[in-house]
Amino acid sequence: MTAFVAGAIAPARSAAANRLENFCASADFDKPTLVLDIDRVEDQYRALKAGLGHADIHYAVKANPHRDVLERLVHLGSHFDCASRGEIEMCLALGARPETISYGNTIKRARDIAFAASVGVTLFAADAEEELVKIAENAPGSQVYIRLIVEASQADWPLSRKFGCDADMALALLDRAVELGLEPLGFSFHVGSQTRRAEFWIPALDAFAGVWHEAEARGHNLSLLNIGGGFPAFYGEDIEGPTRYASNVMSLVTERFGHVDRVMAEPGRGMVAEAGMIVAEVVLTSRKSDRDMHRWVYLSIGRFSGLAETEGEAIRYQFVTPHDGEAVGPCIVAGPSCDSADVLYEKRPMNLPLALKSGDKVLIRNTGAYTSTYSSVCFNGFPPLDVVAI
């Protein structure tokens, strides 16, 4: 089957991708369901690791914390980036060792820092003096890294100013960490989600290399560089394969930072997105008037039940329908809830088959990341996204 996406043609499908699509096409679910191919998660891990070389993969658990995903990654030797006590508990329960866990959220409750320390986690992120004080009081002697803010991003989904601090503050926080009895190891940053090309990392790497070398000149013996996430998935626009992409990023890092004892990478989307496919259905197709140039296509899944990343239309999911190959026309795609914000694609309508009608099955490709985790509340009584692993 061919997916029609405005301005994009999907690349040749791998055998693993076809296996997932064939399963979803033949399966029957009574509500929107995310199907995960855990073997594809392993394939992606191995491909990224081949390109990252000596860098440790700290899987961003928030992307998809499904038990089978975490179990497989523990088996493969992955490390983990955890944003909460709950994620730490999940990883430990499935066999992850505490020394492989980074508490990477810069916004932590004091009691959760204490819990993490009590179970053996020793590595924490911070971007503010108060956070360092909390860590020193509740996890004394711990290792810390300071998160830098990315002022300009070329990612499809740039991160906000919520996380990180500027260069001057970061250097001051290294000194403050020492005063508090902590062990400052280095810096972290995040270039932004879905950074499609390795060269898009260059402005951030250039800026942060200067901060790194300034810290060394001030006497700090840095040993850790956390390059964060940004590793892309395929949503219709060309991207490099995972091994080549990761290798190119590491070459850029080495050119600017030289040999760093410990490099961390935090792929989330790049690890699991392409291992997932959502099975949904059309609930209604309509026009608002006889003069309306666009049809409306309402799906059984929307922004509040798993497709939150359509916010701003930054992530352009690909749809597969029983009518692919037939005549198409521009459609505004929306979810089923009684909320006017539950519209997926309106600024740039999707080209979908004209024959599409209520009851037709719709498969949504590469939805393994940030779908089930964003679907946790029964808004309007619609059930959260179900998840099945194969």
Protein backbone atom coordinates (compact mmCIF):
# COMPACT_ATOMS: atom_id res chain seq x y z
CA MET A 1 0.00 0.00 0.00
CA THR A 2 1.20 3.54 -0.74
CA ALA A 3 0.77 6.36 1.76
CA PHE A 4 -0.16 9.74 0.32
CA VAL A 5 1.53 12.61 2.13
CA ALA A 6 1.71 16.14 0.79
CA GLY A 7 5.07 16.68 -0.88
CA ALA A 8 6.64 13.39 0.19
CA ILE A 9 7.09 9.87 -1.06
CA ALA A 10 7.93 7.19 1.46
CA PRO A 11 11.18 5.29 0.89
CA ALA A 12 11.26 1.59 0.13
CA ARG A 13 9.78 -0.38 3.00
CA SER A 14 12.00 -2.81 4.88
CA ALA A 15 10.89 -6.35 5.61
CA ALA A 16 10.42 -5.40 9.26
CA ALA A 17 8.28 -2.39 8.31
CA ASN A 18 6.16 -4.56 6.06
CA ARG A 19 5.73 -7.11 8.85
CA LEU A 20 4.33 -4.43 11.15
CA GLU A 21 2.10 -2.98 8.44
CA ASN A 22 0.79 -6.39 7.38
CA PHE A 23 -0.04 -7.27 10.99
CA CYS A 24 -1.92 -4.00 11.48
CA ALA A 25 -3.77 -4.31 8.19
CA SER A 26 -5.11 -7.76 9.12
CA ALA A 27 -5.72 -7.18 12.85
CA ASP A 28 -9.12 -6.10 14.17
CA PHE A 29 -9.30 -3.74 17.16
CA ASP A 30 -12.41 -2.17 18.65
CA LYS A 31 -10.57 1.03 19.67
CA PRO A 32 -7.47 2.91 18.51
CA THR A 33 -4.44 0.73 19.18
CA LEU A 34 -0.70 1.23 18.94
CA VAL A 35 1.12 -1.87 17.72
CA LEU A 36 4.82 -2.08 18.59
CA ASP A 37 7.38 -4.31 16.88
CA ILE A 38 9.98 -4.87 19.59
CA ASP A 39 12.45 -6.41 17.14
CA ARG A 40 12.48 -3.11 15.28
CA VAL A 41 13.37 -1.32 18.53
CA GLU A 42 16.36 -3.65 18.81
CA ASP A 43 17.34 -3.03 15.19
CA GLN A 44 17.25 0.71 15.76
CA TYR A 45 19.27 0.44 18.96
CA ARG A 46 21.98 -1.55 17.21
CA ALA A 47 22.03 0.85 14.25
CA LEU A 48 22.34 3.92 16.47
CA LYS A 49 24.97 2.28 18.63
CA ALA A 50 27.04 1.41 15.57
CA GLY A 51 27.14 5.09 14.62
CA LEU A 52 27.58 6.50 18.14
CA GLY A 53 30.61 4.34 18.87
CA HIS A 54 31.88 4.84 22.43
CA ALA A 55 28.93 7.08 23.36
CA ASP A 56 26.44 5.55 25.80
CA ILE A 57 22.82 5.41 24.69
CA HIS A 58 20.55 6.69 27.47
CA TYR A 59 17.13 5.87 26.05
CA ALA A 60 14.64 8.67 26.77
CA VAL A 61 12.05 6.62 28.63
CA LYS A 62 9.35 9.27 28.20
CA ALA A 63 9.18 8.48 24.47
CA ASN A 64 7.65 5.07 25.15
CA PRO A 65 7.90 3.30 28.53
CA HIS A 66 6.19 0.08 27.42
CA ARG A 67 7.43 -2.86 29.44
CA ASP A 68 8.56 -4.86 26.40
CA VAL A 69 10.54 -1.90 25.04
CA LEU A 70 12.35 -1.37 28.34
CA GLU A 71 13.01 -5.09 28.85
CA ARG A 72 14.57 -5.43 25.42
CA LEU A 73 16.75 -2.38 25.91
CA VAL A 74 17.91 -3.59 29.32
CA HIS A 75 18.88 -6.88 27.67
CA LEU A 76 20.82 -4.99 24.99
CA GLY A 77 22.79 -3.03 27.58
CA SER A 78 21.14 0.34 27.06
CA HIS A 79 21.35 3.08 29.65
CA PHE A 80 18.31 5.21 30.49
CA ASP A 81 17.36 8.88 30.75
CA CYS A 82 14.59 9.14 33.34
CA ALA A 83 12.41 12.18 33.99
CA SER A 84 10.65 11.06 37.17
CA ARG A 85 10.64 8.67 40.10
CA GLY A 86 8.08 6.58 38.25
CA GLU A 87 10.38 6.07 35.26
CA ILE A 88 13.29 5.18 37.54
CA GLU A 89 11.13 2.59 39.31
CA MET A 90 10.04 1.07 35.98
CA CYS A 91 13.61 0.71 34.73
CA LEU A 92 14.90 -0.79 37.98
CA ALA A 93 11.98 -3.23 38.17
CA LEU A 94 12.90 -4.55 34.73
CA GLY A 95 16.55 -5.12 35.56
CA ALA A 96 18.31 -1.84 34.80
CA ARG A 97 21.22 -1.09 37.09
CA PRO A 98 21.09 2.24 38.95
CA GLU A 99 24.48 3.27 37.59
CA THR A 100 23.00 3.15 34.07
CA ILE A 101 20.28 5.68 34.96
CA SER A 102 20.55 9.43 34.60
CA TYR A 103 17.93 11.54 36.37
CA GLY A 104 17.82 13.96 33.47
CA ASN A 105 14.89 16.19 34.39
CA THR A 106 16.15 19.54 35.71
CA ILE A 107 12.90 19.99 37.67
CA LYS A 108 12.77 17.46 40.53
CA ARG A 109 11.04 17.27 43.89
CA ALA A 110 13.44 16.99 46.83
CA ARG A 111 11.82 13.72 47.94
CA ASP A 112 12.27 12.23 44.48
CA ILE A 113 15.95 13.15 44.47
CA ALA A 114 16.26 11.43 47.85
CA PHE A 115 14.48 8.36 46.52
CA ALA A 116 16.77 8.17 43.48
CA ALA A 117 19.83 8.39 45.70
CA SER A 118 18.43 5.71 48.03
CA VAL A 119 18.18 3.22 45.15
CA GLY A 120 21.69 3.93 43.88
CA VAL A 121 21.21 6.60 41.19
CA THR A 122 24.19 8.94 41.32
CA LEU A 123 23.89 11.12 38.19
CA PHE A 124 21.61 14.17 38.12
CA ALA A 125 20.92 17.09 35.78
CA ALA A 126 20.53 20.69 36.92
CA ASP A 127 20.19 24.14 35.40
CA ALA A 128 19.63 26.30 38.49
CA GLU A 129 21.33 26.95 41.83
CA GLU A 130 18.27 25.89 43.82
CA GLU A 131 18.28 22.53 42.03
CA LEU A 132 21.93 22.01 42.96
CA VAL A 133 21.11 22.80 46.59
CA LYS A 134 18.29 20.22 46.55
CA ILE A 135 20.63 17.60 45.09
CA ALA A 136 23.35 18.38 47.62
CA GLU A 137 20.89 18.10 50.51
CA ASN A 138 19.13 14.94 49.33
CA ALA A 139 21.85 13.13 47.38
CA PRO A 140 25.09 14.44 48.88
CA GLY A 141 28.26 13.86 46.90
CA SER A 142 26.38 13.01 43.70
CA GLN A 143 27.62 13.62 40.19
CA VAL A 144 25.89 16.39 38.26
CA TYR A 145 25.89 17.89 34.80
CA ILE A 146 24.63 21.35 33.89
CA ARG A 147 22.12 21.75 31.10
CA LEU A 148 22.75 24.55 28.61
CA ILE A 149 19.92 26.34 26.85
CA VAL A 150 19.73 26.10 23.06
CA GLU A 151 18.87 29.61 21.88
CA ALA A 152 18.47 28.74 18.18
CA SER A 153 17.36 25.39 16.82
CA GLN A 154 16.92 24.03 13.31
CA ALA A 155 14.81 21.12 14.54
CA ASP A 156 11.27 20.55 13.28
CA TRP A 157 10.17 20.73 16.93
CA PRO A 158 12.49 23.16 18.78
CA LEU A 159 12.46 22.89 22.54
CA SER A 160 11.27 25.86 24.56
CA ARG A 161 13.22 27.95 27.05
CA LYS A 162 11.85 25.76 29.84
CA PHE A 163 15.14 23.88 30.20
CA GLY A 164 18.75 24.99 30.43
CA CYS A 165 20.71 28.11 31.34
CA ASP A 166 23.07 30.40 29.47
CA ALA A 167 26.84 30.02 29.31
CA ASP A 168 27.70 32.44 32.12
CA MET A 169 25.26 30.82 34.53
CA ALA A 170 26.39 27.32 33.55
CA LEU A 171 30.00 28.18 34.38
CA ALA A 172 28.91 29.68 37.71
CA LEU A 173 26.88 26.56 38.50
CA LEU A 174 29.96 24.37 38.03
CA ASP A 175 31.67 26.42 40.74
CA ARG A 176 28.60 26.29 42.97
CA ALA A 177 28.37 22.52 42.60
CA VAL A 178 31.92 22.18 43.90
CA GLU A 179 31.11 24.45 46.86
CA LEU A 180 28.13 22.20 47.68
CA GLY A 181 30.27 19.05 47.71
CA LEU A 182 28.90 17.72 44.43
CA GLU A 183 30.98 16.39 41.56
CA PRO A 184 30.30 18.42 38.40
CA LEU A 185 31.19 16.27 35.40
CA GLY A 186 30.21 18.45 32.44
CA PHE A 187 27.33 19.75 30.39
CA SER A 188 24.23 18.65 28.52
CA PHE A 189 22.05 20.21 25.83
CA HIS A 190 19.25 19.22 23.45
CA VAL A 191 19.23 20.50 19.87
CA GLY A 192 15.48 19.95 19.52
CA SER A 193 13.24 17.06 18.60
CA GLN A 194 13.30 15.75 15.02
CA THR A 195 16.57 17.39 13.94
CA ARG A 196 16.52 15.89 10.47
CA ARG A 197 20.11 16.52 9.34
CA ALA A 198 23.36 16.09 11.24
CA GLU A 199 24.66 19.46 10.06
CA PHE A 200 21.77 21.13 11.87
CA TRP A 201 23.70 20.40 15.08
CA ILE A 202 26.63 22.63 14.08
CA PRO A 203 25.48 26.01 15.55
CA ALA A 204 24.77 24.47 18.96
CA LEU A 205 27.98 22.44 18.99
CA ASP A 206 30.03 25.48 18.03
CA ALA A 207 28.50 27.54 20.84
CA PHE A 208 28.80 24.87 23.50
CA ALA A 209 32.36 23.89 22.60
CA GLY A 210 33.34 27.40 23.63
CA VAL A 211 31.64 26.95 27.00
CA TRP A 212 33.34 23.57 27.46
CA HIS A 213 36.81 24.93 26.77
CA GLU A 214 36.20 27.97 28.98
CA ALA A 215 35.24 25.69 31.87
CA GLU A 216 38.42 23.69 31.37
CA ALA A 217 40.45 26.92 31.31
CA ARG A 218 38.90 27.80 34.68
CA GLY A 219 40.20 24.57 36.17
CA HIS A 220 37.26 22.22 35.86
CA ASN A 221 38.23 18.68 34.89
CA LEU A 222 35.30 17.86 32.63
CA SER A 223 34.62 14.27 31.65
CA LEU A 224 30.99 14.09 30.51
CA LEU A 225 29.17 15.58 27.52
CA ASN A 226 25.48 14.76 27.18
CA ILE A 227 24.41 15.59 23.60
CA GLY A 228 20.74 14.84 24.34
CA GLY A 229 18.25 13.72 21.73
CA GLY A 230 17.12 15.04 18.39
CA PHE A 231 17.68 11.81 16.46
CA PRO A 232 14.96 11.79 13.79
CA ALA A 233 12.31 9.39 12.54
CA PHE A 234 10.83 9.26 9.05
CA TYR A 235 7.63 11.29 8.65
CA GLY A 236 7.78 11.87 4.90
CA GLU A 237 10.86 14.08 4.56
CA ASP A 238 14.24 12.59 3.77
CA ILE A 239 16.50 11.69 6.68
CA GLU A 240 19.80 9.84 6.90
CA GLY A 241 19.84 6.26 8.12
CA PRO A 242 20.42 5.95 11.89
CA THR A 243 24.01 4.67 11.73
CA ARG A 244 25.18 7.30 9.26
CA TYR A 245 23.32 10.07 11.08
CA ALA A 246 24.74 9.13 14.49
CA SER A 247 28.24 8.73 13.05
CA ASN A 248 28.09 12.16 11.44
CA VAL A 249 26.94 13.75 14.69
CA MET A 250 29.77 12.09 16.60
CA SER A 251 32.29 13.33 14.03
CA LEU A 252 31.01 16.87 14.56
CA VAL A 253 31.29 16.41 18.33
CA THR A 254 34.85 15.09 18.14
CA GLU A 255 35.96 17.91 15.84
CA ARG A 256 34.87 20.49 18.42
CA PHE A 257 35.38 18.84 21.79
CA GLY A 258 38.24 16.44 21.11
CA HIS A 259 38.28 13.22 23.10
CA VAL A 260 35.68 13.25 25.88
CA ASP A 261 35.86 10.37 28.36
CA ARG A 262 32.10 9.96 28.49
CA VAL A 263 29.57 10.96 25.87
CA MET A 264 25.87 10.40 26.44
CA ALA A 265 23.13 10.42 23.79
CA GLU A 266 19.42 10.33 24.62
CA PRO A 267 17.46 9.07 21.60
CA GLY A 268 13.74 8.65 22.18
CA ARG A 269 11.85 9.31 18.96
CA GLY A 270 14.81 8.02 16.94
CA MET A 271 14.70 4.75 18.88
CA VAL A 272 11.03 3.81 18.89
CA ALA A 273 8.96 5.93 16.48
CA GLU A 274 9.41 3.68 13.46
CA ALA A 275 8.70 0.58 15.56
CA GLY A 276 5.07 1.60 16.06
CA MET A 277 1.90 1.88 14.01
CA ILE A 278 -1.53 3.04 15.15
CA VAL A 279 -4.67 1.29 13.93
CA ALA A 280 -7.67 3.64 13.85
CA GLU A 281 -10.72 4.26 11.69
CA VAL A 282 -12.62 7.02 9.95
CA VAL A 283 -15.63 8.18 12.00
CA LEU A 284 -16.98 10.79 9.59
CA THR A 285 -16.20 12.65 6.37
CA SER A 286 -17.96 15.92 5.57
CA ARG A 287 -17.85 19.38 4.05
CA LYS A 288 -18.96 22.56 5.80
CA SER A 289 -20.70 23.91 2.71
CA ASP A 290 -21.16 23.21 -0.99
CA ARG A 291 -18.44 25.79 -1.60
CA ASP A 292 -15.93 24.19 0.80
CA MET A 293 -12.70 23.33 -1.03
CA HIS A 294 -11.64 20.91 1.71
CA ARG A 295 -13.27 17.81 3.09
CA TRP A 296 -13.10 17.12 6.80
CA VAL A 297 -11.96 13.64 7.83
CA TYR A 298 -12.62 12.78 11.47
CA LEU A 299 -10.63 9.87 12.90
CA SER A 300 -11.29 7.75 15.97
CA ILE A 301 -8.04 9.12 17.46
CA GLY A 302 -7.13 12.75 18.03
CA ARG A 303 -4.88 15.12 19.89
CA PHE A 304 -6.20 14.06 23.29
CA SER A 305 -5.92 10.31 22.68
CA GLY A 306 -2.39 9.93 21.36
CA LEU A 307 -1.65 12.42 18.57
CA ALA A 308 -0.63 15.40 20.71
CA GLU A 309 2.46 15.90 18.56
CA THR A 310 0.30 17.25 15.76
CA GLU A 311 0.37 20.47 17.81
CA GLY A 312 1.62 23.14 15.42
CA GLU A 313 1.58 20.47 12.68
CA ALA A 314 5.31 19.94 13.24
CA ILE A 315 5.05 16.15 13.08
CA ARG A 316 3.37 15.05 9.84
CA TYR A 317 2.22 11.48 10.28
CA GLN A 318 1.68 9.24 7.25
CA PHE A 319 -1.68 7.56 6.72
CA VAL A 320 -2.40 4.25 4.99
CA THR A 321 -5.98 3.55 3.85
CA PRO A 322 -7.85 0.88 1.85
CA HIS A 323 -8.29 3.40 -0.99
CA ASP A 324 -4.64 4.31 -1.55
CA GLY A 325 -3.86 4.56 -5.24
CA GLU A 326 -7.22 6.14 -6.01
CA ALA A 327 -7.95 9.83 -6.65
CA VAL A 328 -7.06 12.14 -3.77
CA GLY A 329 -8.05 15.59 -2.55
CA PRO A 330 -7.13 17.99 0.27
CA CYS A 331 -8.54 17.09 3.68
CA ILE A 332 -8.59 18.71 7.09
CA VAL A 333 -7.96 15.89 9.55
CA ALA A 334 -9.46 16.03 13.04
CA GLY A 335 -10.10 13.86 16.08
CA PRO A 336 -13.43 12.67 17.49
CA SER A 337 -13.75 14.67 20.71
CA CYS A 338 -16.10 17.56 21.45
CA ASP A 339 -13.27 20.06 21.61
CA SER A 340 -12.54 22.57 18.86
CA ALA A 341 -8.79 22.24 19.47
CA ASP A 342 -8.91 18.57 18.44
CA VAL A 343 -7.79 19.29 14.87
CA LEU A 344 -4.68 17.54 13.58
CA TYR A 345 -3.93 19.10 10.19
CA GLU A 346 -5.63 22.26 8.93
CA LYS A 347 -2.91 24.76 8.07
CA ARG A 348 -1.49 22.24 5.61
CA PRO A 349 -4.33 19.86 4.66
CA MET A 350 -3.48 16.25 3.89
CA ASN A 351 -4.09 14.69 0.47
CA LEU A 352 -6.25 11.66 1.17
CA PRO A 353 -8.39 9.42 -1.09
CA LEU A 354 -11.72 10.90 -2.14
CA ALA A 355 -13.36 7.52 -1.57
CA LEU A 356 -12.50 7.54 2.14
CA LYS A 357 -15.64 7.04 4.25
CA SER A 358 -16.88 6.23 7.72
CA GLY A 359 -15.72 2.83 8.96
CA ASP A 360 -12.58 2.66 6.80
CA LYS A 361 -9.48 1.46 8.62
CA VAL A 362 -6.62 3.95 8.81
CA LEU A 363 -3.07 2.96 9.70
CA ILE A 364 -0.77 5.70 11.00
CA ARG A 365 2.90 4.98 10.40
CA ASN A 366 5.87 5.62 12.68
CA THR A 367 3.84 6.41 15.77
CA GLY A 368 5.88 4.48 18.35
CA ALA A 369 7.07 7.64 20.12
CA TYR A 370 5.10 10.13 22.20
CA THR A 371 1.68 8.65 21.47
CA SER A 372 0.79 6.18 24.24
CA THR A 373 2.50 8.42 26.81
CA TYR A 374 0.43 11.43 25.76
CA SER A 375 -2.76 9.36 25.91
CA SER A 376 -3.36 8.82 29.60
CA VAL A 377 -6.69 10.48 30.37
CA CYS A 378 -10.15 9.45 29.15
CA PHE A 379 -11.00 12.92 27.83
CA ASN A 380 -14.67 13.00 26.77
CA GLY A 381 -14.84 9.35 27.83
CA PHE A 382 -12.74 8.20 24.89
CA PRO A 383 -10.41 5.42 26.09
CA PRO A 384 -6.65 5.93 26.24
CA LEU A 385 -4.66 4.49 23.36
CA ASP A 386 -4.32 0.73 23.75
CA VAL A 387 -0.89 -0.84 23.15
CA VAL A 388 -0.04 -4.27 21.74
CA ALA A 389 3.53 -5.58 21.32
CA ILE A 390 4.48 -8.17 18.71
